[in-house]
Amino acid sequence: MSQIFIIGANGKVGRHAARLLQDSEHDVKVGLRSKDQFSDFEKLGHTPVHLDLEADVATITDALQGSDVVIFTAGSGGHTGADKTMLIDFDGAVKAIEAAEAINAKQFIMVSALNADSPETWSDSMKPYYIAKRYADRVLKESSLNYTILRPGGLSDEAGTGNVTTDPSEQATKKIPREDVARVILAAIGHDKASKQVVTLLEGDTPINELF
């Protein structure tokens, strides 16, 4: 059994991950900015912890204490400006990485974005988001942590299929259900084959349980 900590648990991918972990063997803590959200996750049997990614590293480190696996699914959301994107998706992610290093976490799973390392594909409107993801990923790669970076395509609310592809050339669509991203997060937990891997995720035909 591992101690799992989900950062951004109240987001759509985070909620899927929390639900899927409900009956697992793991002990799960969920980082939440608002205490109004606590009861939703207590009903799943998880332990809510107040976590604000705009806090300092020491405060975030305290929240993560005892965690074996840190899952970063947080995002500022499409309705915010570039300043909030940098505060959460970049600076918040970097502080979470530093905190995970400080507690000697065994694994850090980052939900990034398709083409985060391909600036030539970025649209002007999404550039701050991709910049944040690109450099947060780089900090994670250069850290001492055992990382797994997931780079999903456009996130949809359709029901997951349990199947994906990691090869963009195999699939015309560049989308993936959030539920399937959450399933891949679970599949990566504790798996040696997920160690120090950057994984593209799109709708496909490969069973998720065969990825790692």
N, C-alpha and C. Protein backbone atom coordinates (compact mmCIF):
# COMPACT_ATOMS: atom_id res chain seq x y z
N MET A 1 0.84 -1.19 0.00
CA MET A 1 0.00 0.00 0.00
C MET A 1 0.87 1.25 0.00
N SER A 2 0.50 2.22 -0.82
CA SER A 2 1.23 3.49 -0.87
C SER A 2 0.36 4.62 -0.36
N GLN A 3 1.02 5.67 0.11
CA GLN A 3 0.32 6.90 0.47
C GLN A 3 0.31 7.80 -0.77
N ILE A 4 -0.87 8.03 -1.32
CA ILE A 4 -1.02 8.82 -2.53
C ILE A 4 -1.51 10.22 -2.16
N PHE A 5 -0.96 11.23 -2.83
CA PHE A 5 -1.44 12.60 -2.64
C PHE A 5 -1.80 13.18 -4.00
N ILE A 6 -3.06 13.58 -4.17
CA ILE A 6 -3.52 14.16 -5.44
C ILE A 6 -3.58 15.67 -5.29
N ILE A 7 -2.76 16.36 -6.06
CA ILE A 7 -2.80 17.82 -6.11
C ILE A 7 -3.74 18.21 -7.25
N GLY A 8 -4.73 19.04 -6.95
CA GLY A 8 -5.71 19.39 -7.97
C GLY A 8 -6.84 18.39 -8.02
N ALA A 9 -7.15 17.80 -6.89
CA ALA A 9 -8.17 16.73 -6.86
C ALA A 9 -9.55 17.22 -7.25
N ASN A 10 -9.81 18.51 -7.11
CA ASN A 10 -11.14 19.02 -7.43
C ASN A 10 -11.31 19.31 -8.93
N GLY A 11 -10.24 19.20 -9.70
CA GLY A 11 -10.35 19.33 -11.15
C GLY A 11 -10.98 18.08 -11.75
N LYS A 12 -11.27 18.14 -13.03
CA LYS A 12 -12.00 17.02 -13.64
C LYS A 12 -11.18 15.74 -13.70
N VAL A 13 -9.91 15.83 -14.07
CA VAL A 13 -9.06 14.64 -14.08
C VAL A 13 -8.83 14.16 -12.65
N GLY A 14 -8.58 15.10 -11.74
CA GLY A 14 -8.35 14.75 -10.35
C GLY A 14 -9.53 14.05 -9.71
N ARG A 15 -10.75 14.51 -10.03
CA ARG A 15 -11.95 13.85 -9.49
C ARG A 15 -12.08 12.41 -10.02
N HIS A 16 -11.79 12.22 -11.29
CA HIS A 16 -11.82 10.86 -11.83
C HIS A 16 -10.80 9.98 -11.10
N ALA A 17 -9.59 10.51 -10.91
CA ALA A 17 -8.55 9.72 -10.23
C ALA A 17 -8.97 9.38 -8.81
N ALA A 18 -9.54 10.35 -8.11
CA ALA A 18 -9.99 10.10 -6.74
C ALA A 18 -11.07 9.03 -6.70
N ARG A 19 -11.99 9.10 -7.64
CA ARG A 19 -13.08 8.11 -7.68
C ARG A 19 -12.52 6.71 -7.97
N LEU A 20 -11.60 6.63 -8.92
CA LEU A 20 -11.04 5.33 -9.29
C LEU A 20 -10.19 4.73 -8.17
N LEU A 21 -9.65 5.59 -7.32
CA LEU A 21 -8.83 5.12 -6.21
C LEU A 21 -9.65 4.77 -4.97
N GLN A 22 -10.96 4.94 -5.08
CA GLN A 22 -11.83 4.75 -3.91
C GLN A 22 -11.70 3.37 -3.30
N ASP A 23 -11.65 2.36 -4.13
CA ASP A 23 -11.61 0.99 -3.62
C ASP A 23 -10.23 0.35 -3.76
N SER A 24 -9.21 1.18 -3.92
CA SER A 24 -7.86 0.65 -4.09
C SER A 24 -7.25 0.31 -2.74
N GLU A 25 -6.08 -0.28 -2.79
CA GLU A 25 -5.37 -0.63 -1.56
C GLU A 25 -4.61 0.57 -0.99
N HIS A 26 -4.59 1.67 -1.73
CA HIS A 26 -3.79 2.82 -1.32
C HIS A 26 -4.52 3.72 -0.33
N ASP A 27 -3.74 4.40 0.45
CA ASP A 27 -4.25 5.44 1.35
C ASP A 27 -4.14 6.76 0.58
N VAL A 28 -5.24 7.47 0.42
CA VAL A 28 -5.28 8.63 -0.48
C VAL A 28 -5.58 9.91 0.30
N LYS A 29 -4.73 10.91 0.05
CA LYS A 29 -5.00 12.26 0.52
C LYS A 29 -5.22 13.15 -0.70
N VAL A 30 -6.11 14.13 -0.56
CA VAL A 30 -6.42 15.01 -1.67
C VAL A 30 -6.18 16.45 -1.25
N GLY A 31 -5.40 17.17 -2.05
CA GLY A 31 -5.13 18.56 -1.78
C GLY A 31 -6.21 19.45 -2.36
N LEU A 32 -6.82 20.26 -1.53
CA LEU A 32 -7.94 21.09 -1.95
C LEU A 32 -7.74 22.52 -1.46
N ARG A 33 -8.09 23.47 -2.30
CA ARG A 33 -7.93 24.88 -1.93
C ARG A 33 -9.06 25.36 -1.02
N SER A 34 -10.24 24.79 -1.21
CA SER A 34 -11.41 25.22 -0.44
C SER A 34 -11.90 24.11 0.47
N LYS A 35 -12.13 24.42 1.72
CA LYS A 35 -12.64 23.43 2.67
C LYS A 35 -14.08 23.05 2.36
N ASP A 36 -14.75 23.86 1.54
CA ASP A 36 -16.11 23.52 1.11
C ASP A 36 -16.14 22.25 0.27
N GLN A 37 -14.98 21.87 -0.28
CA GLN A 37 -14.90 20.69 -1.14
C GLN A 37 -14.58 19.41 -0.36
N PHE A 38 -14.27 19.54 0.92
CA PHE A 38 -13.79 18.40 1.69
C PHE A 38 -14.78 17.25 1.71
N SER A 39 -16.06 17.54 1.90
CA SER A 39 -17.04 16.47 2.12
C SER A 39 -17.17 15.54 0.92
N ASP A 40 -17.01 16.07 -0.29
CA ASP A 40 -17.11 15.24 -1.49
C ASP A 40 -16.09 14.11 -1.46
N PHE A 41 -14.91 14.41 -0.97
CA PHE A 41 -13.82 13.42 -0.99
C PHE A 41 -13.82 12.55 0.26
N GLU A 42 -14.34 13.09 1.34
CA GLU A 42 -14.51 12.26 2.54
C GLU A 42 -15.49 11.13 2.27
N LYS A 43 -16.49 11.41 1.43
CA LYS A 43 -17.47 10.36 1.07
C LYS A 43 -16.80 9.21 0.31
N LEU A 44 -15.68 9.51 -0.36
CA LEU A 44 -14.94 8.48 -1.09
C LEU A 44 -13.96 7.74 -0.18
N GLY A 45 -13.86 8.19 1.07
CA GLY A 45 -12.95 7.55 2.01
C GLY A 45 -11.55 8.15 1.99
N HIS A 46 -11.39 9.29 1.31
CA HIS A 46 -10.09 9.94 1.23
C HIS A 46 -9.95 11.00 2.31
N THR A 47 -8.72 11.41 2.55
CA THR A 47 -8.44 12.42 3.57
C THR A 47 -8.15 13.76 2.90
N PRO A 48 -9.01 14.75 3.08
CA PRO A 48 -8.76 16.07 2.49
C PRO A 48 -7.68 16.83 3.27
N VAL A 49 -6.87 17.56 2.53
CA VAL A 49 -5.83 18.40 3.13
C VAL A 49 -5.90 19.77 2.46
N HIS A 50 -5.90 20.82 3.25
CA HIS A 50 -5.91 22.15 2.66
C HIS A 50 -4.58 22.42 1.96
N LEU A 51 -4.66 22.80 0.68
CA LEU A 51 -3.45 23.04 -0.10
C LEU A 51 -3.70 24.18 -1.08
N ASP A 52 -2.88 25.19 -0.97
CA ASP A 52 -2.93 26.33 -1.88
C ASP A 52 -1.59 26.41 -2.60
N LEU A 53 -1.59 26.22 -3.91
CA LEU A 53 -0.35 26.20 -4.68
C LEU A 53 0.31 27.57 -4.77
N GLU A 54 -0.37 28.59 -4.29
CA GLU A 54 0.26 29.91 -4.23
C GLU A 54 0.97 30.13 -2.90
N ALA A 55 0.90 29.14 -2.02
CA ALA A 55 1.63 29.19 -0.75
C ALA A 55 3.11 28.93 -1.01
N ASP A 56 3.94 29.08 0.05
CA ASP A 56 5.37 28.84 -0.14
C ASP A 56 5.69 27.34 -0.11
N VAL A 57 6.92 27.03 -0.48
CA VAL A 57 7.33 25.62 -0.59
C VAL A 57 7.22 24.90 0.75
N ALA A 58 7.59 25.59 1.83
CA ALA A 58 7.54 24.96 3.16
C ALA A 58 6.13 24.54 3.52
N THR A 59 5.15 25.38 3.18
CA THR A 59 3.75 25.06 3.48
C THR A 59 3.28 23.88 2.65
N ILE A 60 3.66 23.86 1.39
CA ILE A 60 3.29 22.74 0.52
C ILE A 60 3.97 21.46 0.98
N THR A 61 5.22 21.59 1.40
CA THR A 61 5.95 20.42 1.91
C THR A 61 5.24 19.82 3.11
N ASP A 62 4.79 20.66 4.02
CA ASP A 62 4.06 20.18 5.19
C ASP A 62 2.81 19.40 4.78
N ALA A 63 2.12 19.90 3.77
CA ALA A 63 0.89 19.23 3.31
C ALA A 63 1.18 17.86 2.73
N LEU A 64 2.33 17.73 2.08
CA LEU A 64 2.66 16.47 1.39
C LEU A 64 3.33 15.44 2.29
N GLN A 65 3.65 15.80 3.52
CA GLN A 65 4.41 14.91 4.40
C GLN A 65 3.82 13.50 4.42
N GLY A 66 4.70 12.50 4.31
CA GLY A 66 4.29 11.11 4.39
C GLY A 66 3.85 10.50 3.08
N SER A 67 3.82 11.30 2.01
CA SER A 67 3.32 10.78 0.72
C SER A 67 4.42 10.01 -0.02
N ASP A 68 4.05 8.88 -0.57
CA ASP A 68 4.94 8.10 -1.41
C ASP A 68 4.84 8.54 -2.87
N VAL A 69 3.61 8.80 -3.31
CA VAL A 69 3.35 9.15 -4.71
C VAL A 69 2.59 10.48 -4.74
N VAL A 70 3.12 11.44 -5.48
CA VAL A 70 2.46 12.73 -5.65
C VAL A 70 1.95 12.82 -7.09
N ILE A 71 0.66 13.09 -7.22
CA ILE A 71 0.03 13.20 -8.54
C ILE A 71 -0.36 14.66 -8.74
N PHE A 72 0.17 15.29 -9.80
CA PHE A 72 -0.13 16.69 -10.06
C PHE A 72 -1.11 16.80 -11.21
N THR A 73 -2.37 17.12 -10.88
CA THR A 73 -3.40 17.28 -11.91
C THR A 73 -3.96 18.70 -11.91
N ALA A 74 -3.31 19.59 -11.17
CA ALA A 74 -3.84 20.94 -11.01
C ALA A 74 -3.69 21.75 -12.29
N GLY A 75 -4.60 22.70 -12.46
CA GLY A 75 -4.52 23.64 -13.58
C GLY A 75 -5.33 24.87 -13.25
N SER A 76 -4.91 25.99 -13.82
CA SER A 76 -5.60 27.24 -13.51
C SER A 76 -6.95 27.34 -14.18
N GLY A 77 -7.16 26.54 -15.24
CA GLY A 77 -8.44 26.57 -15.95
C GLY A 77 -8.42 27.56 -17.09
N GLY A 78 -9.23 27.29 -18.11
CA GLY A 78 -9.21 28.10 -19.32
C GLY A 78 -9.77 29.49 -19.15
N HIS A 79 -10.48 29.74 -18.04
CA HIS A 79 -11.12 31.04 -17.85
C HIS A 79 -10.20 32.06 -17.20
N THR A 80 -9.01 31.64 -16.81
CA THR A 80 -8.10 32.56 -16.13
C THR A 80 -7.11 33.16 -17.13
N GLY A 81 -6.41 34.19 -16.69
CA GLY A 81 -5.43 34.83 -17.54
C GLY A 81 -4.07 34.19 -17.43
N ALA A 82 -3.12 34.73 -18.20
CA ALA A 82 -1.77 34.19 -18.25
C ALA A 82 -1.09 34.26 -16.88
N ASP A 83 -1.42 35.30 -16.09
CA ASP A 83 -0.78 35.42 -14.79
C ASP A 83 -1.12 34.26 -13.88
N LYS A 84 -2.39 33.86 -13.85
CA LYS A 84 -2.80 32.75 -13.01
C LYS A 84 -2.25 31.42 -13.55
N THR A 85 -2.17 31.30 -14.87
CA THR A 85 -1.57 30.10 -15.47
C THR A 85 -0.14 29.93 -14.99
N MET A 86 0.62 31.00 -14.99
CA MET A 86 2.01 30.92 -14.53
C MET A 86 2.09 30.62 -13.04
N LEU A 87 1.17 31.17 -12.26
CA LEU A 87 1.18 30.94 -10.82
C LEU A 87 0.87 29.50 -10.45
N ILE A 88 -0.05 28.87 -11.17
CA ILE A 88 -0.49 27.51 -10.84
C ILE A 88 0.23 26.46 -11.68
N ASP A 89 0.13 26.57 -12.99
CA ASP A 89 0.65 25.52 -13.88
C ASP A 89 2.17 25.48 -13.94
N PHE A 90 2.81 26.61 -13.67
CA PHE A 90 4.27 26.61 -13.66
C PHE A 90 4.82 26.73 -12.23
N ASP A 91 4.62 27.88 -11.59
CA ASP A 91 5.21 28.07 -10.27
C ASP A 91 4.65 27.08 -9.25
N GLY A 92 3.34 26.84 -9.30
CA GLY A 92 2.75 25.87 -8.38
C GLY A 92 3.30 24.48 -8.59
N ALA A 93 3.47 24.11 -9.87
CA ALA A 93 4.03 22.78 -10.18
C ALA A 93 5.46 22.67 -9.69
N VAL A 94 6.26 23.72 -9.92
CA VAL A 94 7.67 23.68 -9.49
C VAL A 94 7.76 23.58 -7.96
N LYS A 95 6.93 24.32 -7.26
CA LYS A 95 6.95 24.23 -5.79
C LYS A 95 6.53 22.85 -5.32
N ALA A 96 5.56 22.24 -6.02
CA ALA A 96 5.15 20.87 -5.66
C ALA A 96 6.29 19.88 -5.90
N ILE A 97 7.04 20.09 -6.97
CA ILE A 97 8.19 19.23 -7.26
C ILE A 97 9.24 19.38 -6.16
N GLU A 98 9.53 20.62 -5.78
CA GLU A 98 10.51 20.86 -4.72
C GLU A 98 10.04 20.25 -3.39
N ALA A 99 8.75 20.35 -3.12
CA ALA A 99 8.21 19.78 -1.89
C ALA A 99 8.30 18.25 -1.92
N ALA A 100 8.01 17.66 -3.07
CA ALA A 100 8.10 16.20 -3.20
C ALA A 100 9.53 15.71 -3.03
N GLU A 101 10.47 16.49 -3.53
CA GLU A 101 11.89 16.15 -3.31
C GLU A 101 12.22 16.22 -1.82
N ALA A 102 11.71 17.24 -1.16
CA ALA A 102 12.03 17.45 0.26
C ALA A 102 11.54 16.29 1.13
N ILE A 103 10.44 15.66 0.74
CA ILE A 103 9.91 14.55 1.54
C ILE A 103 10.36 13.20 1.00
N ASN A 104 11.22 13.22 -0.03
CA ASN A 104 11.73 11.99 -0.64
C ASN A 104 10.62 11.10 -1.18
N ALA A 105 9.68 11.72 -1.89
CA ALA A 105 8.60 10.94 -2.52
C ALA A 105 9.19 9.94 -3.50
N LYS A 106 8.54 8.80 -3.61
CA LYS A 106 9.04 7.73 -4.47
C LYS A 106 8.67 7.93 -5.94
N GLN A 107 7.62 8.71 -6.21
CA GLN A 107 7.18 8.90 -7.59
C GLN A 107 6.39 10.20 -7.68
N PHE A 108 6.58 10.90 -8.80
CA PHE A 108 5.83 12.12 -9.08
C PHE A 108 5.20 11.95 -10.46
N ILE A 109 3.87 11.96 -10.50
CA ILE A 109 3.16 11.80 -11.77
C ILE A 109 2.59 13.16 -12.17
N MET A 110 3.04 13.66 -13.30
CA MET A 110 2.65 14.97 -13.78
C MET A 110 1.70 14.85 -14.97
N VAL A 111 0.54 15.52 -14.89
CA VAL A 111 -0.33 15.62 -16.05
C VAL A 111 0.06 16.89 -16.79
N SER A 112 0.68 16.71 -17.94
CA SER A 112 1.17 17.82 -18.75
C SER A 112 0.22 18.01 -19.93
N ALA A 113 0.76 18.20 -21.13
CA ALA A 113 -0.09 18.44 -22.30
C ALA A 113 0.63 17.99 -23.56
N LEU A 114 -0.15 17.50 -24.50
CA LEU A 114 0.38 17.12 -25.81
C LEU A 114 1.12 18.29 -26.43
N ASN A 115 2.29 18.01 -26.98
CA ASN A 115 3.12 19.01 -27.67
C ASN A 115 3.69 20.07 -26.74
N ALA A 116 3.78 19.76 -25.46
CA ALA A 116 4.36 20.71 -24.52
C ALA A 116 5.81 21.05 -24.88
N ASP A 117 6.47 20.15 -25.59
CA ASP A 117 7.86 20.38 -25.99
C ASP A 117 7.99 20.72 -27.47
N SER A 118 6.90 21.15 -28.11
CA SER A 118 6.92 21.47 -29.54
C SER A 118 6.36 22.88 -29.76
N PRO A 119 7.14 23.91 -29.47
CA PRO A 119 6.65 25.29 -29.55
C PRO A 119 6.08 25.67 -30.91
N GLU A 120 6.55 25.01 -31.97
CA GLU A 120 6.07 25.35 -33.30
C GLU A 120 4.60 25.01 -33.50
N THR A 121 4.04 24.21 -32.62
CA THR A 121 2.62 23.82 -32.74
C THR A 121 1.70 24.70 -31.89
N TRP A 122 2.24 25.58 -31.05
CA TRP A 122 1.44 26.32 -30.10
C TRP A 122 0.69 27.47 -30.77
N SER A 123 -0.57 27.62 -30.42
CA SER A 123 -1.31 28.79 -30.85
C SER A 123 -0.99 29.96 -29.91
N ASP A 124 -1.16 31.19 -30.40
CA ASP A 124 -0.85 32.35 -29.57
C ASP A 124 -1.70 32.39 -28.30
N SER A 125 -2.96 32.00 -28.42
CA SER A 125 -3.86 32.09 -27.28
C SER A 125 -3.49 31.09 -26.18
N MET A 126 -2.88 29.97 -26.57
CA MET A 126 -2.53 28.92 -25.60
C MET A 126 -1.06 28.96 -25.19
N LYS A 127 -0.32 29.92 -25.71
CA LYS A 127 1.12 29.94 -25.47
C LYS A 127 1.49 29.98 -23.99
N PRO A 128 0.86 30.82 -23.15
CA PRO A 128 1.24 30.81 -21.72
C PRO A 128 1.05 29.44 -21.07
N TYR A 129 -0.03 28.75 -21.44
CA TYR A 129 -0.31 27.42 -20.89
C TYR A 129 0.80 26.44 -21.28
N TYR A 130 1.16 26.45 -22.56
CA TYR A 130 2.19 25.50 -23.02
C TYR A 130 3.57 25.84 -22.46
N ILE A 131 3.86 27.13 -22.34
CA ILE A 131 5.13 27.53 -21.74
C ILE A 131 5.21 27.00 -20.31
N ALA A 132 4.11 27.16 -19.55
CA ALA A 132 4.08 26.66 -18.17
C ALA A 132 4.32 25.16 -18.12
N LYS A 133 3.63 24.43 -18.99
CA LYS A 133 3.78 22.98 -19.00
C LYS A 133 5.19 22.56 -19.42
N ARG A 134 5.72 23.22 -20.44
CA ARG A 134 7.04 22.85 -20.93
C ARG A 134 8.10 22.97 -19.84
N TYR A 135 8.10 24.10 -19.15
CA TYR A 135 9.17 24.33 -18.19
C TYR A 135 8.92 23.62 -16.86
N ALA A 136 7.69 23.40 -16.51
CA ALA A 136 7.42 22.56 -15.33
C ALA A 136 7.91 21.14 -15.59
N ASP A 137 7.66 20.64 -16.80
CA ASP A 137 8.15 19.31 -17.16
C ASP A 137 9.67 19.26 -17.09
N ARG A 138 10.30 20.31 -17.57
CA ARG A 138 11.77 20.33 -17.57
C ARG A 138 12.32 20.30 -16.15
N VAL A 139 11.71 21.08 -15.27
CA VAL A 139 12.15 21.08 -13.86
C VAL A 139 12.00 19.69 -13.25
N LEU A 140 10.89 19.03 -13.58
CA LEU A 140 10.66 17.68 -13.05
C LEU A 140 11.70 16.71 -13.58
N LYS A 141 12.00 16.78 -14.87
CA LYS A 141 13.01 15.88 -15.44
C LYS A 141 14.38 16.08 -14.81
N GLU A 142 14.68 17.32 -14.45
CA GLU A 142 16.00 17.63 -13.91
C GLU A 142 16.07 17.45 -12.39
N SER A 143 14.93 17.09 -11.79
CA SER A 143 14.89 16.88 -10.34
C SER A 143 15.44 15.50 -9.99
N SER A 144 15.48 15.23 -8.70
CA SER A 144 15.95 13.92 -8.23
C SER A 144 14.82 12.89 -8.20
N LEU A 145 13.61 13.30 -8.60
CA LEU A 145 12.44 12.44 -8.45
C LEU A 145 12.32 11.39 -9.55
N ASN A 146 11.71 10.28 -9.19
CA ASN A 146 11.29 9.27 -10.16
C ASN A 146 9.97 9.78 -10.76
N TYR A 147 10.03 10.24 -11.99
CA TYR A 147 8.86 10.93 -12.57
C TYR A 147 8.18 10.10 -13.66
N THR A 148 6.91 10.40 -13.83
CA THR A 148 6.13 9.95 -14.98
C THR A 148 5.36 11.16 -15.48
N ILE A 149 5.65 11.58 -16.71
CA ILE A 149 4.99 12.74 -17.30
C ILE A 149 4.00 12.27 -18.35
N LEU A 150 2.74 12.59 -18.14
CA LEU A 150 1.69 12.21 -19.07
C LEU A 150 1.30 13.43 -19.91
N ARG A 151 1.27 13.26 -21.23
CA ARG A 151 0.96 14.36 -22.13
C ARG A 151 -0.28 14.03 -22.95
N PRO A 152 -1.46 14.25 -22.37
CA PRO A 152 -2.70 13.96 -23.08
C PRO A 152 -3.02 15.02 -24.12
N GLY A 153 -3.79 14.61 -25.14
CA GLY A 153 -4.31 15.55 -26.11
C GLY A 153 -5.47 16.32 -25.51
N GLY A 154 -6.32 16.86 -26.38
CA GLY A 154 -7.46 17.64 -25.91
C GLY A 154 -8.35 16.80 -25.01
N LEU A 155 -8.68 17.31 -23.85
CA LEU A 155 -9.42 16.55 -22.85
C LEU A 155 -10.92 16.66 -23.09
N SER A 156 -11.58 15.51 -23.12
CA SER A 156 -13.03 15.49 -23.31
C SER A 156 -13.72 14.89 -22.09
N ASP A 157 -15.01 15.14 -21.97
CA ASP A 157 -15.79 14.58 -20.87
C ASP A 157 -16.53 13.31 -21.27
N GLU A 158 -16.19 12.75 -22.42
CA GLU A 158 -16.81 11.50 -22.85
C GLU A 158 -16.37 10.37 -21.91
N ALA A 159 -17.18 9.32 -21.87
CA ALA A 159 -16.82 8.15 -21.05
C ALA A 159 -15.53 7.53 -21.57
N GLY A 160 -14.67 7.12 -20.65
CA GLY A 160 -13.44 6.47 -21.05
C GLY A 160 -13.69 5.11 -21.67
N THR A 161 -12.75 4.69 -22.50
CA THR A 161 -12.85 3.38 -23.17
C THR A 161 -11.92 2.35 -22.55
N GLY A 162 -10.95 2.82 -21.78
CA GLY A 162 -9.95 1.90 -21.23
C GLY A 162 -8.82 1.62 -22.19
N ASN A 163 -8.86 2.27 -23.37
CA ASN A 163 -7.83 2.08 -24.39
C ASN A 163 -7.25 3.43 -24.81
N VAL A 164 -5.96 3.44 -25.15
CA VAL A 164 -5.30 4.66 -25.59
C VAL A 164 -4.26 4.31 -26.66
N THR A 165 -3.63 5.34 -27.23
CA THR A 165 -2.42 5.14 -27.99
C THR A 165 -1.40 6.15 -27.50
N THR A 166 -0.14 5.78 -27.58
CA THR A 166 0.95 6.70 -27.21
C THR A 166 1.65 7.23 -28.45
N ASP A 167 1.13 6.87 -29.61
CA ASP A 167 1.75 7.27 -30.89
C ASP A 167 0.80 8.18 -31.65
N PRO A 168 1.08 9.49 -31.72
CA PRO A 168 0.17 10.41 -32.40
C PRO A 168 -0.05 10.09 -33.87
N SER A 169 0.91 9.41 -34.49
CA SER A 169 0.77 9.09 -35.92
C SER A 169 -0.28 8.03 -36.17
N GLU A 170 -0.67 7.32 -35.12
CA GLU A 170 -1.66 6.25 -35.28
C GLU A 170 -3.09 6.78 -35.27
N GLN A 171 -3.27 8.02 -34.88
CA GLN A 171 -4.62 8.49 -34.60
C GLN A 171 -4.86 9.86 -35.20
N ALA A 172 -5.92 9.99 -35.96
CA ALA A 172 -6.26 11.29 -36.55
C ALA A 172 -6.72 12.27 -35.49
N THR A 173 -7.50 11.78 -34.53
CA THR A 173 -7.97 12.66 -33.46
C THR A 173 -6.86 12.96 -32.48
N LYS A 174 -6.93 14.12 -31.89
CA LYS A 174 -5.94 14.52 -30.89
C LYS A 174 -6.62 14.72 -29.54
N LYS A 175 -7.64 13.88 -29.28
CA LYS A 175 -8.39 14.00 -28.04
C LYS A 175 -8.26 12.73 -27.20
N ILE A 176 -8.71 12.86 -25.94
CA ILE A 176 -8.75 11.70 -25.04
C ILE A 176 -9.71 12.04 -23.90
N PRO A 177 -10.53 11.07 -23.48
CA PRO A 177 -11.40 11.32 -22.32
C PRO A 177 -10.59 11.51 -21.04
N ARG A 178 -11.02 12.44 -20.22
CA ARG A 178 -10.36 12.66 -18.94
C ARG A 178 -10.33 11.39 -18.09
N GLU A 179 -11.39 10.61 -18.19
CA GLU A 179 -11.45 9.37 -17.40
C GLU A 179 -10.31 8.43 -17.75
N ASP A 180 -9.96 8.38 -19.04
CA ASP A 180 -8.85 7.50 -19.45
C ASP A 180 -7.50 8.05 -18.99
N VAL A 181 -7.36 9.36 -18.93
CA VAL A 181 -6.13 9.94 -18.37
C VAL A 181 -6.00 9.51 -16.91
N ALA A 182 -7.10 9.58 -16.18
CA ALA A 182 -7.08 9.16 -14.78
C ALA A 182 -6.73 7.67 -14.66
N ARG A 183 -7.24 6.86 -15.57
CA ARG A 183 -6.91 5.43 -15.53
C ARG A 183 -5.43 5.19 -15.78
N VAL A 184 -4.83 5.99 -16.65
CA VAL A 184 -3.40 5.85 -16.89
C VAL A 184 -2.61 6.27 -15.66
N ILE A 185 -3.05 7.32 -14.98
CA ILE A 185 -2.41 7.72 -13.73
C ILE A 185 -2.37 6.54 -12.77
N LEU A 186 -3.50 5.88 -12.60
CA LEU A 186 -3.55 4.73 -11.69
C LEU A 186 -2.63 3.60 -12.15
N ALA A 187 -2.60 3.37 -13.46
CA ALA A 187 -1.76 2.30 -14.00
C ALA A 187 -0.28 2.58 -13.78
N ALA A 188 0.08 3.86 -13.73
CA ALA A 188 1.50 4.22 -13.59
C ALA A 188 2.00 4.12 -12.15
N ILE A 189 1.09 4.16 -11.20
CA ILE A 189 1.51 4.19 -9.79
C ILE A 189 2.34 2.95 -9.44
N GLY A 190 3.58 3.21 -9.03
CA GLY A 190 4.44 2.14 -8.54
C GLY A 190 5.03 1.23 -9.59
N HIS A 191 4.84 1.52 -10.88
CA HIS A 191 5.33 0.62 -11.92
C HIS A 191 6.71 1.05 -12.42
N ASP A 192 7.64 0.12 -12.43
CA ASP A 192 9.01 0.40 -12.87
C ASP A 192 9.04 0.90 -14.31
N LYS A 193 8.17 0.36 -15.16
CA LYS A 193 8.19 0.74 -16.57
C LYS A 193 7.70 2.17 -16.79
N ALA A 194 7.07 2.74 -15.77
CA ALA A 194 6.63 4.13 -15.86
C ALA A 194 7.71 5.09 -15.38
N SER A 195 8.82 4.55 -14.88
CA SER A 195 9.87 5.37 -14.30
C SER A 195 10.57 6.21 -15.35
N LYS A 196 10.64 7.51 -15.09
CA LYS A 196 11.33 8.48 -15.95
C LYS A 196 10.85 8.39 -17.40
N GLN A 197 9.54 8.30 -17.55
CA GLN A 197 8.91 8.21 -18.86
C GLN A 197 8.06 9.44 -19.15
N VAL A 198 8.09 9.86 -20.41
CA VAL A 198 7.19 10.90 -20.92
C VAL A 198 6.26 10.20 -21.90
N VAL A 199 4.97 10.22 -21.61
CA VAL A 199 4.01 9.38 -22.34
C VAL A 199 2.94 10.24 -23.00
N THR A 200 2.87 10.20 -24.32
CA THR A 200 1.79 10.85 -25.05
C THR A 200 0.53 10.00 -24.91
N LEU A 201 -0.62 10.65 -24.75
CA LEU A 201 -1.87 9.92 -24.56
C LEU A 201 -2.96 10.47 -25.48
N LEU A 202 -3.49 9.59 -26.32
CA LEU A 202 -4.61 9.92 -27.20
C LEU A 202 -5.56 8.74 -27.24
N GLU A 203 -6.76 8.97 -27.73
CA GLU A 203 -7.69 7.86 -27.97
C GLU A 203 -7.00 6.82 -28.85
N GLY A 204 -7.19 5.53 -28.53
CA GLY A 204 -6.53 4.50 -29.31
C GLY A 204 -7.06 3.13 -28.99
N ASP A 205 -6.27 2.12 -29.33
CA ASP A 205 -6.71 0.73 -29.19
C ASP A 205 -5.88 -0.10 -28.24
N THR A 206 -4.90 0.51 -27.57
CA THR A 206 -4.05 -0.24 -26.65
C THR A 206 -4.66 -0.23 -25.26
N PRO A 207 -4.93 -1.38 -24.68
CA PRO A 207 -5.46 -1.41 -23.31
C PRO A 207 -4.53 -0.70 -22.34
N ILE A 208 -5.09 0.12 -21.49
CA ILE A 208 -4.27 0.89 -20.55
C ILE A 208 -3.44 -0.02 -19.65
N ASN A 209 -3.98 -1.18 -19.31
CA ASN A 209 -3.24 -2.08 -18.43
C ASN A 209 -2.02 -2.72 -19.11
N GLU A 210 -1.83 -2.44 -20.40
CA GLU A 210 -0.64 -2.95 -21.11
C GLU A 210 0.41 -1.86 -21.33
N LEU A 211 0.16 -0.64 -20.84
CA LEU A 211 1.11 0.45 -21.07
C LEU A 211 2.39 0.29 -20.26
N PHE A 212 2.27 -0.19 -19.03
CA PHE A 212 3.44 -0.25 -18.14
C PHE A 212 3.68 -1.67 -17.67
